[in-house]
Amino acid sequence: MKRVLLSIALLSVILPSQAAFAGGSIERACLNANRAAASRTLCGCIQKVANSMLTNTERAKVAKFFKDPHRSQALRQSDRSSDERFWKKYKQFGQTVTSYCR
């Protein structure tokens, strides 16, 4: 719970300065994924969280998950240590999105 609260506190400071990055690869992939819950507001929020937590390379990788969800499962099951580190960061990103983008 402390991590979630800390993440929200950090995002409230970081996100306003990230507004210039809205409309990025994750937002576009989210909107183009043809999911019922997708909206400009939700997808934009996910992009803002990504801008504050993930590198450009990581954001590009996450954007590909919207088009091909199997890619995320293949990465999760990978034996590579770099994939394991990314997956842990991706899980934290997902938890932050869940709490911040309601």
PDB file of N, CA and C in Angstrom:
ATOM      1  N   MET A   1       0.828  -1.189   0.000  1.00  0.00           N
ATOM      2  CA  MET A   1       0.000   0.000   0.000  1.00  0.00           C
ATOM      3  C   MET A   1       0.873   1.253   0.000  1.00  0.00           C
ATOM      4  N   LYS A   2       1.981   1.206   0.749  1.00  0.00           N
ATOM      5  CA  LYS A   2       2.877   2.355   0.792  1.00  0.00           C
ATOM      6  C   LYS A   2       3.446   2.646  -0.589  1.00  0.00           C
ATOM      7  N   ARG A   3       3.760   1.579  -1.340  1.00  0.00           N
ATOM      8  CA  ARG A   3       4.306   1.754  -2.690  1.00  0.00           C
ATOM      9  C   ARG A   3       3.301   2.439  -3.603  1.00  0.00           C
ATOM     10  N   VAL A   4       2.050   2.028  -3.491  1.00  0.00           N
ATOM     11  CA  VAL A   4       1.010   2.620  -4.336  1.00  0.00           C
ATOM     12  C   VAL A   4       0.859   4.101  -3.995  1.00  0.00           C
ATOM     13  N   LEU A   5       0.802   4.409  -2.714  1.00  0.00           N
ATOM     14  CA  LEU A   5       0.667   5.809  -2.304  1.00  0.00           C
ATOM     15  C   LEU A   5       1.876   6.628  -2.737  1.00  0.00           C
ATOM     16  N   LEU A   6       3.076   6.058  -2.595  1.00  0.00           N
ATOM     17  CA  LEU A   6       4.282   6.753  -3.034  1.00  0.00           C
ATOM     18  C   LEU A   6       4.255   6.972  -4.542  1.00  0.00           C
ATOM     19  N   SER A   7       3.804   5.964  -5.287  1.00  0.00           N
ATOM     20  CA  SER A   7       3.717   6.092  -6.744  1.00  0.00           C
ATOM     21  C   SER A   7       2.750   7.200  -7.134  1.00  0.00           C
ATOM     22  N   ILE A   8       1.615   7.253  -6.459  1.00  0.00           N
ATOM     23  CA  ILE A   8       0.628   8.292  -6.756  1.00  0.00           C
ATOM     24  C   ILE A   8       1.193   9.665  -6.431  1.00  0.00           C
ATOM     25  N   ALA A   9       1.876   9.772  -5.292  1.00  0.00           N
ATOM     26  CA  ALA A   9       2.471  11.051  -4.916  1.00  0.00           C
ATOM     27  C   ALA A   9       3.509  11.492  -5.946  1.00  0.00           C
ATOM     28  N   LEU A  10       4.344  10.567  -6.383  1.00  0.00           N
ATOM     29  CA  LEU A  10       5.351  10.894  -7.392  1.00  0.00           C
ATOM     30  C   LEU A  10       4.703  11.292  -8.710  1.00  0.00           C
ATOM     31  N   LEU A  11       3.662  10.569  -9.080  1.00  0.00           N
ATOM     32  CA  LEU A  11       2.986  10.877 -10.336  1.00  0.00           C
ATOM     33  C   LEU A  11       2.342  12.253 -10.310  1.00  0.00           C
ATOM     34  N   SER A  12       1.816  12.650  -9.164  1.00  0.00           N
ATOM     35  CA  SER A  12       1.173  13.961  -9.087  1.00  0.00           C
ATOM     36  C   SER A  12       2.180  15.087  -9.297  1.00  0.00           C
ATOM     37  N   VAL A  13       3.444  14.824  -9.015  1.00  0.00           N
ATOM     38  CA  VAL A  13       4.495  15.813  -9.245  1.00  0.00           C
ATOM     39  C   VAL A  13       5.042  15.706 -10.662  1.00  0.00           C
ATOM     40  N   ILE A  14       5.209  14.480 -11.141  1.00  0.00           N
ATOM     41  CA  ILE A  14       5.842  14.233 -12.429  1.00  0.00           C
ATOM     42  C   ILE A  14       4.894  14.466 -13.600  1.00  0.00           C
ATOM     43  N   LEU A  15       3.656  14.021 -13.488  1.00  0.00           N
ATOM     44  CA  LEU A  15       2.748  14.022 -14.637  1.00  0.00           C
ATOM     45  C   LEU A  15       2.458  15.393 -15.229  1.00  0.00           C
ATOM     46  N   PRO A  16       2.253  16.438 -14.436  1.00  0.00           N
ATOM     47  CA  PRO A  16       1.986  17.719 -15.087  1.00  0.00           C
ATOM     48  C   PRO A  16       3.090  18.145 -16.045  1.00  0.00           C
ATOM     49  N   SER A  17       4.334  17.811 -15.733  1.00  0.00           N
ATOM     50  CA  SER A  17       5.441  18.178 -16.620  1.00  0.00           C
ATOM     51  C   SER A  17       5.525  17.258 -17.831  1.00  0.00           C
ATOM     52  N   GLN A  18       4.775  16.164 -17.811  1.00  0.00           N
ATOM     53  CA  GLN A  18       4.806  15.205 -18.916  1.00  0.00           C
ATOM     54  C   GLN A  18       3.705  15.463 -19.945  1.00  0.00           C
ATOM     55  N   ALA A  19       2.900  16.486 -19.747  1.00  0.00           N
ATOM     56  CA  ALA A  19       1.763  16.728 -20.638  1.00  0.00           C
ATOM     57  C   ALA A  19       2.189  16.869 -22.092  1.00  0.00           C
ATOM     58  N   ALA A  20       3.378  17.384 -22.331  1.00  0.00           N
ATOM     59  CA  ALA A  20       3.859  17.568 -23.693  1.00  0.00           C
ATOM     60  C   ALA A  20       4.057  16.243 -24.424  1.00  0.00           C
ATOM     61  N   PHE A  21       4.166  15.150 -23.682  1.00  0.00           N
ATOM     62  CA  PHE A  21       4.412  13.853 -24.293  1.00  0.00           C
ATOM     63  C   PHE A  21       3.128  13.088 -24.594  1.00  0.00           C
ATOM     64  N   ALA A  22       1.972  13.663 -24.265  1.00  0.00           N
ATOM     65  CA  ALA A  22       0.704  12.968 -24.501  1.00  0.00           C
ATOM     66  C   ALA A  22       0.574  12.656 -25.992  1.00  0.00           C
ATOM     67  N   GLY A  23      -0.158  11.609 -26.294  1.00  0.00           N
ATOM     68  CA  GLY A  23      -0.320  11.219 -27.688  1.00  0.00           C
ATOM     69  C   GLY A  23       0.795  10.320 -28.160  1.00  0.00           C
ATOM     70  N   GLY A  24       1.426   9.626 -27.245  1.00  0.00           N
ATOM     71  CA  GLY A  24       2.543   8.758 -27.589  1.00  0.00           C
ATOM     72  C   GLY A  24       2.110   7.399 -28.101  1.00  0.00           C
ATOM     73  N   SER A  25       3.088   6.536 -28.247  1.00  0.00           N
ATOM     74  CA  SER A  25       2.866   5.228 -28.854  1.00  0.00           C
ATOM     75  C   SER A  25       1.884   4.369 -28.067  1.00  0.00           C
ATOM     76  N   ILE A  26       1.906   4.444 -26.758  1.00  0.00           N
ATOM     77  CA  ILE A  26       1.002   3.625 -25.951  1.00  0.00           C
ATOM     78  C   ILE A  26      -0.429   4.134 -26.094  1.00  0.00           C
ATOM     79  N   GLU A  27      -0.613   5.439 -26.063  1.00  0.00           N
ATOM     80  CA  GLU A  27      -1.961   5.992 -26.229  1.00  0.00           C
ATOM     81  C   GLU A  27      -2.547   5.584 -27.586  1.00  0.00           C
ATOM     82  N   ARG A  28      -1.753   5.698 -28.632  1.00  0.00           N
ATOM     83  CA  ARG A  28      -2.235   5.319 -29.972  1.00  0.00           C
ATOM     84  C   ARG A  28      -2.559   3.829 -30.035  1.00  0.00           C
ATOM     85  N   ALA A  29      -1.678   2.999 -29.477  1.00  0.00           N
ATOM     86  CA  ALA A  29      -1.914   1.549 -29.498  1.00  0.00           C
ATOM     87  C   ALA A  29      -3.161   1.195 -28.696  1.00  0.00           C
ATOM     88  N   CYS A  30      -3.355   1.855 -27.585  1.00  0.00           N
ATOM     89  CA  CYS A  30      -4.526   1.636 -26.742  1.00  0.00           C
ATOM     90  C   CYS A  30      -5.804   1.985 -27.505  1.00  0.00           C
ATOM     91  N   LEU A  31      -5.818   3.127 -28.150  1.00  0.00           N
ATOM     92  CA  LEU A  31      -7.001   3.557 -28.897  1.00  0.00           C
ATOM     93  C   LEU A  31      -7.281   2.665 -30.107  1.00  0.00           C
ATOM     94  N   ASN A  32      -6.236   2.136 -30.711  1.00  0.00           N
ATOM     95  CA  ASN A  32      -6.387   1.300 -31.904  1.00  0.00           C
ATOM     96  C   ASN A  32      -6.638  -0.168 -31.589  1.00  0.00           C
ATOM     97  N   ALA A  33      -6.645  -0.539 -30.325  1.00  0.00           N
ATOM     98  CA  ALA A  33      -6.787  -1.945 -29.937  1.00  0.00           C
ATOM     99  C   ALA A  33      -8.231  -2.431 -29.991  1.00  0.00           C
ATOM    100  N   ASN A  34      -9.177  -1.524 -30.273  1.00  0.00           N
ATOM    101  CA  ASN A  34     -10.592  -1.888 -30.393  1.00  0.00           C
ATOM    102  C   ASN A  34     -11.128  -2.608 -29.162  1.00  0.00           C
ATOM    103  N   ARG A  35     -10.792  -2.082 -28.003  1.00  0.00           N
ATOM    104  CA  ARG A  35     -11.336  -2.628 -26.759  1.00  0.00           C
ATOM    105  C   ARG A  35     -12.454  -1.717 -26.275  1.00  0.00           C
ATOM    106  N   ALA A  36     -13.489  -2.314 -25.728  1.00  0.00           N
ATOM    107  CA  ALA A  36     -14.680  -1.558 -25.329  1.00  0.00           C
ATOM    108  C   ALA A  36     -14.368  -0.462 -24.313  1.00  0.00           C
ATOM    109  N   ALA A  37     -13.468  -0.713 -23.386  1.00  0.00           N
ATOM    110  CA  ALA A  37     -13.185   0.261 -22.324  1.00  0.00           C
ATOM    111  C   ALA A  37     -12.236   1.372 -22.763  1.00  0.00           C
ATOM    112  N   ALA A  38     -11.653   1.249 -23.939  1.00  0.00           N
ATOM    113  CA  ALA A  38     -10.676   2.243 -24.396  1.00  0.00           C
ATOM    114  C   ALA A  38     -11.360   3.580 -24.656  1.00  0.00           C
ATOM    115  N   SER A  39     -10.752   4.617 -24.126  1.00  0.00           N
ATOM    116  CA  SER A  39     -11.226   5.982 -24.375  1.00  0.00           C
ATOM    117  C   SER A  39     -10.003   6.874 -24.451  1.00  0.00           C
ATOM    118  N   ARG A  40     -10.177   8.036 -25.024  1.00  0.00           N
ATOM    119  CA  ARG A  40      -9.054   8.969 -25.114  1.00  0.00           C
ATOM    120  C   ARG A  40      -8.550   9.320 -23.712  1.00  0.00           C
ATOM    121  N   THR A  41      -9.470   9.470 -22.770  1.00  0.00           N
ATOM    122  CA  THR A  41      -9.090   9.811 -21.395  1.00  0.00           C
ATOM    123  C   THR A  41      -8.272   8.690 -20.759  1.00  0.00           C
ATOM    124  N   LEU A  42      -8.773   7.459 -20.841  1.00  0.00           N
ATOM    125  CA  LEU A  42      -8.079   6.328 -20.236  1.00  0.00           C
ATOM    126  C   LEU A  42      -6.734   6.083 -20.917  1.00  0.00           C
ATOM    127  N   CYS A  43      -6.735   6.039 -22.236  1.00  0.00           N
ATOM    128  CA  CYS A  43      -5.492   5.760 -22.964  1.00  0.00           C
ATOM    129  C   CYS A  43      -4.467   6.872 -22.755  1.00  0.00           C
ATOM    130  N   GLY A  44      -4.933   8.115 -22.663  1.00  0.00           N
ATOM    131  CA  GLY A  44      -4.034   9.226 -22.379  1.00  0.00           C
ATOM    132  C   GLY A  44      -3.435   9.124 -20.990  1.00  0.00           C
ATOM    133  N   CYS A  45      -4.244   8.682 -20.035  1.00  0.00           N
ATOM    134  CA  CYS A  45      -3.744   8.502 -18.667  1.00  0.00           C
ATOM    135  C   CYS A  45      -2.674   7.408 -18.629  1.00  0.00           C
ATOM    136  N   ILE A  46      -2.929   6.306 -19.319  1.00  0.00           N
ATOM    137  CA  ILE A  46      -1.947   5.215 -19.367  1.00  0.00           C
ATOM    138  C   ILE A  46      -0.643   5.728 -19.977  1.00  0.00           C
ATOM    139  N   GLN A  47      -0.740   6.538 -21.026  1.00  0.00           N
ATOM    140  CA  GLN A  47       0.454   7.111 -21.657  1.00  0.00           C
ATOM    141  C   GLN A  47       1.211   7.991 -20.673  1.00  0.00           C
ATOM    142  N   LYS A  48       0.489   8.811 -19.919  1.00  0.00           N
ATOM    143  CA  LYS A  48       1.152   9.691 -18.953  1.00  0.00           C
ATOM    144  C   LYS A  48       1.892   8.903 -17.883  1.00  0.00           C
ATOM    145  N   VAL A  49       1.285   7.827 -17.396  1.00  0.00           N
ATOM    146  CA  VAL A  49       1.961   6.981 -16.407  1.00  0.00           C
ATOM    147  C   VAL A  49       3.197   6.351 -17.043  1.00  0.00           C
ATOM    148  N   ALA A  50       3.059   5.880 -18.272  1.00  0.00           N
ATOM    149  CA  ALA A  50       4.195   5.276 -18.973  1.00  0.00           C
ATOM    150  C   ALA A  50       5.330   6.281 -19.140  1.00  0.00           C
ATOM    151  N   ASN A  51       4.985   7.516 -19.484  1.00  0.00           N
ATOM    152  CA  ASN A  51       6.015   8.543 -19.657  1.00  0.00           C
ATOM    153  C   ASN A  51       6.806   8.767 -18.377  1.00  0.00           C
ATOM    154  N   SER A  52       6.138   8.615 -17.251  1.00  0.00           N
ATOM    155  CA  SER A  52       6.812   8.881 -15.983  1.00  0.00           C
ATOM    156  C   SER A  52       7.567   7.679 -15.439  1.00  0.00           C
ATOM    157  N   MET A  53       7.231   6.468 -15.924  1.00  0.00           N
ATOM    158  CA  MET A  53       7.823   5.265 -15.332  1.00  0.00           C
ATOM    159  C   MET A  53       8.718   4.460 -16.260  1.00  0.00           C
ATOM    160  N   LEU A  54       8.515   4.595 -17.565  1.00  0.00           N
ATOM    161  CA  LEU A  54       9.199   3.722 -18.516  1.00  0.00           C
ATOM    162  C   LEU A  54      10.091   4.518 -19.460  1.00  0.00           C
ATOM    163  N   THR A  55      11.145   3.872 -19.929  1.00  0.00           N
ATOM    164  CA  THR A  55      12.016   4.482 -20.926  1.00  0.00           C
ATOM    165  C   THR A  55      11.332   4.435 -22.289  1.00  0.00           C
ATOM    166  N   ASN A  56      11.884   5.138 -23.264  1.00  0.00           N
ATOM    167  CA  ASN A  56      11.339   5.101 -24.628  1.00  0.00           C
ATOM    168  C   ASN A  56      11.274   3.673 -25.162  1.00  0.00           C
ATOM    169  N   THR A  57      12.325   2.918 -24.952  1.00  0.00           N
ATOM    170  CA  THR A  57      12.377   1.534 -25.421  1.00  0.00           C
ATOM    171  C   THR A  57      11.312   0.693 -24.747  1.00  0.00           C
ATOM    172  N   GLU A  58      11.146   0.874 -23.438  1.00  0.00           N
ATOM    173  CA  GLU A  58      10.131   0.117 -22.707  1.00  0.00           C
ATOM    174  C   GLU A  58       8.727   0.500 -23.165  1.00  0.00           C
ATOM    175  N   ARG A  59       8.495   1.780 -23.428  1.00  0.00           N
ATOM    176  CA  ARG A  59       7.186   2.221 -23.912  1.00  0.00           C
ATOM    177  C   ARG A  59       6.875   1.595 -25.274  1.00  0.00           C
ATOM    178  N   ALA A  60       7.856   1.518 -26.131  1.00  0.00           N
ATOM    179  CA  ALA A  60       7.652   0.893 -27.448  1.00  0.00           C
ATOM    180  C   ALA A  60       7.292  -0.582 -27.285  1.00  0.00           C
ATOM    181  N   LYS A  61       7.936  -1.250 -26.351  1.00  0.00           N
ATOM    182  CA  LYS A  61       7.658  -2.662 -26.101  1.00  0.00           C
ATOM    183  C   LYS A  61       6.234  -2.839 -25.567  1.00  0.00           C
ATOM    184  N   VAL A  62       5.829  -1.985 -24.643  1.00  0.00           N
ATOM    185  CA  VAL A  62       4.487  -2.063 -24.071  1.00  0.00           C
ATOM    186  C   VAL A  62       3.429  -1.769 -25.134  1.00  0.00           C
ATOM    187  N   ALA A  63       3.690  -0.814 -26.007  1.00  0.00           N
ATOM    188  CA  ALA A  63       2.734  -0.484 -27.064  1.00  0.00           C
ATOM    189  C   ALA A  63       2.461  -1.704 -27.941  1.00  0.00           C
ATOM    190  N   LYS A  64       3.452  -2.524 -28.159  1.00  0.00           N
ATOM    191  CA  LYS A  64       3.278  -3.729 -28.979  1.00  0.00           C
ATOM    192  C   LYS A  64       2.378  -4.750 -28.288  1.00  0.00           C
ATOM    193  N   PHE A  65       2.298  -4.707 -26.957  1.00  0.00           N
ATOM    194  CA  PHE A  65       1.448  -5.635 -26.220  1.00  0.00           C
ATOM    195  C   PHE A  65      -0.030  -5.417 -26.552  1.00  0.00           C
ATOM    196  N   PHE A  66      -0.422  -4.183 -26.879  1.00  0.00           N
ATOM    197  CA  PHE A  66      -1.822  -3.913 -27.199  1.00  0.00           C
ATOM    198  C   PHE A  66      -2.235  -4.631 -28.485  1.00  0.00           C
ATOM    199  N   LYS A  67      -1.352  -4.657 -29.460  1.00  0.00           N
ATOM    200  CA  LYS A  67      -1.657  -5.303 -30.730  1.00  0.00           C
ATOM    201  C   LYS A  67      -1.529  -6.819 -30.632  1.00  0.00           C
ATOM    202  N   ASP A  68      -0.561  -7.281 -29.846  1.00  0.00           N
ATOM    203  CA  ASP A  68      -0.290  -8.710 -29.741  1.00  0.00           C
ATOM    204  C   ASP A  68      -0.087  -9.077 -28.266  1.00  0.00           C
ATOM    205  N   PRO A  69      -1.178  -9.312 -27.515  1.00  0.00           N
ATOM    206  CA  PRO A  69      -1.064  -9.629 -26.086  1.00  0.00           C
ATOM    207  C   PRO A  69      -0.217 -10.867 -25.802  1.00  0.00           C
ATOM    208  N   HIS A  70      -0.140 -11.777 -26.761  1.00  0.00           N
ATOM    209  CA  HIS A  70       0.691 -12.977 -26.562  1.00  0.00           C
ATOM    210  C   HIS A  70       2.158 -12.605 -26.341  1.00  0.00           C
ATOM    211  N   ARG A  71       2.566 -11.497 -26.936  1.00  0.00           N
ATOM    212  CA  ARG A  71       3.948 -11.027 -26.776  1.00  0.00           C
ATOM    213  C   ARG A  71       4.296 -10.831 -25.296  1.00  0.00           C
ATOM    214  N   SER A  72       3.348 -10.284 -24.537  1.00  0.00           N
ATOM    215  CA  SER A  72       3.607 -10.051 -23.112  1.00  0.00           C
ATOM    216  C   SER A  72       3.769 -11.372 -22.371  1.00  0.00           C
ATOM    217  N   GLN A  73       2.976 -12.370 -22.736  1.00  0.00           N
ATOM    218  CA  GLN A  73       3.090 -13.668 -22.077  1.00  0.00           C
ATOM    219  C   GLN A  73       4.403 -14.362 -22.433  1.00  0.00           C
ATOM    220  N   ALA A  74       4.827 -14.237 -23.658  1.00  0.00           N
ATOM    221  CA  ALA A  74       6.112 -14.816 -24.062  1.00  0.00           C
ATOM    222  C   ALA A  74       7.250 -14.158 -23.288  1.00  0.00           C
ATOM    223  N   LEU A  75       7.164 -12.848 -23.132  1.00  0.00           N
ATOM    224  CA  LEU A  75       8.197 -12.138 -22.376  1.00  0.00           C
ATOM    225  C   LEU A  75       8.167 -12.551 -20.908  1.00  0.00           C
ATOM    226  N   ARG A  76       6.963 -12.677 -20.357  1.00  0.00           N
ATOM    227  CA  ARG A  76       6.829 -13.070 -18.948  1.00  0.00           C
ATOM    228  C   ARG A  76       7.436 -14.440 -18.691  1.00  0.00           C
ATOM    229  N   GLN A  77       7.336 -15.330 -19.644  1.00  0.00           N
ATOM    230  CA  GLN A  77       7.832 -16.694 -19.473  1.00  0.00           C
ATOM    231  C   GLN A  77       9.288 -16.863 -19.906  1.00  0.00           C
ATOM    232  N   SER A  78       9.886 -15.811 -20.387  1.00  0.00           N
ATOM    233  CA  SER A  78      11.264 -15.869 -20.859  1.00  0.00           C
ATOM    234  C   SER A  78      12.227 -16.166 -19.712  1.00  0.00           C
ATOM    235  N   ASP A  79      13.324 -16.807 -20.043  1.00  0.00           N
ATOM    236  CA  ASP A  79      14.357 -17.113 -19.050  1.00  0.00           C
ATOM    237  C   ASP A  79      15.430 -16.030 -18.971  1.00  0.00           C
ATOM    238  N   ARG A  80      15.341 -15.028 -19.824  1.00  0.00           N
ATOM    239  CA  ARG A  80      16.357 -13.972 -19.843  1.00  0.00           C
ATOM    240  C   ARG A  80      16.195 -13.068 -18.626  1.00  0.00           C
ATOM    241  N   SER A  81      17.296 -12.740 -17.986  1.00  0.00           N
ATOM    242  CA  SER A  81      17.234 -11.886 -16.796  1.00  0.00           C
ATOM    243  C   SER A  81      16.751 -10.477 -17.143  1.00  0.00           C
ATOM    244  N   SER A  82      17.085  -9.987 -18.322  1.00  0.00           N
ATOM    245  CA  SER A  82      16.612  -8.656 -18.720  1.00  0.00           C
ATOM    246  C   SER A  82      15.092  -8.648 -18.887  1.00  0.00           C
ATOM    247  N   ASP A  83      14.540  -9.742 -19.399  1.00  0.00           N
ATOM    248  CA  ASP A  83      13.086  -9.844 -19.529  1.00  0.00           C
ATOM    249  C   ASP A  83      12.423  -9.926 -18.155  1.00  0.00           C
ATOM    250  N   GLU A  84      13.068 -10.609 -17.235  1.00  0.00           N
ATOM    251  CA  GLU A  84      12.532 -10.702 -15.867  1.00  0.00           C
ATOM    252  C   GLU A  84      12.522  -9.326 -15.200  1.00  0.00           C
ATOM    253  N   ARG A  85      13.587  -8.564 -15.370  1.00  0.00           N
ATOM    254  CA  ARG A  85      13.636  -7.202 -14.804  1.00  0.00           C
ATOM    255  C   ARG A  85      12.555  -6.328 -15.425  1.00  0.00           C
ATOM    256  N   PHE A  86      12.394  -6.429 -16.752  1.00  0.00           N
ATOM    257  CA  PHE A  86      11.359  -5.646 -17.413  1.00  0.00           C
ATOM    258  C   PHE A  86       9.983  -6.057 -16.900  1.00  0.00           C
ATOM    259  N   TRP A  87       9.738  -7.352 -16.742  1.00  0.00           N
ATOM    260  CA  TRP A  87       8.418  -7.812 -16.317  1.00  0.00           C
ATOM    261  C   TRP A  87       8.068  -7.264 -14.929  1.00  0.00           C
ATOM    262  N   LYS A  88       9.049  -7.235 -14.040  1.00  0.00           N
ATOM    263  CA  LYS A  88       8.804  -6.674 -12.705  1.00  0.00           C
ATOM    264  C   LYS A  88       8.448  -5.190 -12.800  1.00  0.00           C
ATOM    265  N   LYS A  89       9.136  -4.471 -13.644  1.00  0.00           N
ATOM    266  CA  LYS A  89       8.847  -3.048 -13.840  1.00  0.00           C
ATOM    267  C   LYS A  89       7.482  -2.873 -14.500  1.00  0.00           C
ATOM    268  N   TYR A  90       7.160  -3.730 -15.441  1.00  0.00           N
ATOM    269  CA  TYR A  90       5.873  -3.680 -16.133  1.00  0.00           C
ATOM    270  C   TYR A  90       4.723  -3.949 -15.158  1.00  0.00           C
ATOM    271  N   LYS A  91       4.916  -4.889 -14.244  1.00  0.00           N
ATOM    272  CA  LYS A  91       3.892  -5.161 -13.238  1.00  0.00           C
ATOM    273  C   LYS A  91       3.662  -3.935 -12.358  1.00  0.00           C
ATOM    274  N   GLN A  92       4.729  -3.265 -11.947  1.00  0.00           N
ATOM    275  CA  GLN A  92       4.598  -2.052 -11.145  1.00  0.00           C
ATOM    276  C   GLN A  92       3.878  -0.968 -11.939  1.00  0.00           C
ATOM    277  N   PHE A  93       4.218  -0.861 -13.216  1.00  0.00           N
ATOM    278  CA  PHE A  93       3.539   0.081 -14.104  1.00  0.00           C
ATOM    279  C   PHE A  93       2.042  -0.223 -14.136  1.00  0.00           C
ATOM    280  N   GLY A  94       1.690  -1.482 -14.302  1.00  0.00           N
ATOM    281  CA  GLY A  94       0.282  -1.882 -14.344  1.00  0.00           C
ATOM    282  C   GLY A  94      -0.454  -1.558 -13.060  1.00  0.00           C
ATOM    283  N   GLN A  95       0.199  -1.773 -11.932  1.00  0.00           N
ATOM    284  CA  GLN A  95      -0.421  -1.454 -10.643  1.00  0.00           C
ATOM    285  C   GLN A  95      -0.634   0.048 -10.504  1.00  0.00           C
ATOM    286  N   THR A  96       0.320   0.826 -10.966  1.00  0.00           N
ATOM    287  CA  THR A  96       0.197   2.273 -10.891  1.00  0.00           C
ATOM    288  C   THR A  96      -0.917   2.756 -11.806  1.00  0.00           C
ATOM    289  N   VAL A  97      -0.984   2.204 -13.007  1.00  0.00           N
ATOM    290  CA  VAL A  97      -2.068   2.569 -13.931  1.00  0.00           C
ATOM    291  C   VAL A  97      -3.417   2.248 -13.299  1.00  0.00           C
ATOM    292  N   THR A  98      -3.521   1.079 -12.694  1.00  0.00           N
ATOM    293  CA  THR A  98      -4.782   0.661 -12.081  1.00  0.00           C
ATOM    294  C   THR A  98      -5.224   1.633 -10.993  1.00  0.00           C
ATOM    295  N   SER A  99      -4.282   2.092 -10.195  1.00  0.00           N
ATOM    296  CA  SER A  99      -4.662   2.992  -9.105  1.00  0.00           C
ATOM    297  C   SER A  99      -4.821   4.445  -9.557  1.00  0.00           C
ATOM    298  N   TYR A 100      -4.099   4.860 -10.573  1.00  0.00           N
ATOM    299  CA  TYR A 100      -4.110   6.262 -10.989  1.00  0.00           C
ATOM    300  C   TYR A 100      -5.152   6.568 -12.064  1.00  0.00           C
ATOM    301  N   CYS A 101      -5.404   5.635 -12.947  1.00  0.00           N
ATOM    302  CA  CYS A 101      -6.258   5.890 -14.118  1.00  0.00           C
ATOM    303  C   CYS A 101      -7.663   5.322 -13.943  1.00  0.00           C
ATOM    304  N   ARG A 102      -8.313   5.656 -12.896  1.00  0.00           N
ATOM    305  CA  ARG A 102      -9.675   5.141 -12.636  1.00  0.00           C
ATOM    306  C   ARG A 102     -10.707   5.988 -13.296  1.00  0.00           C
TER     307      ARG A 102
END
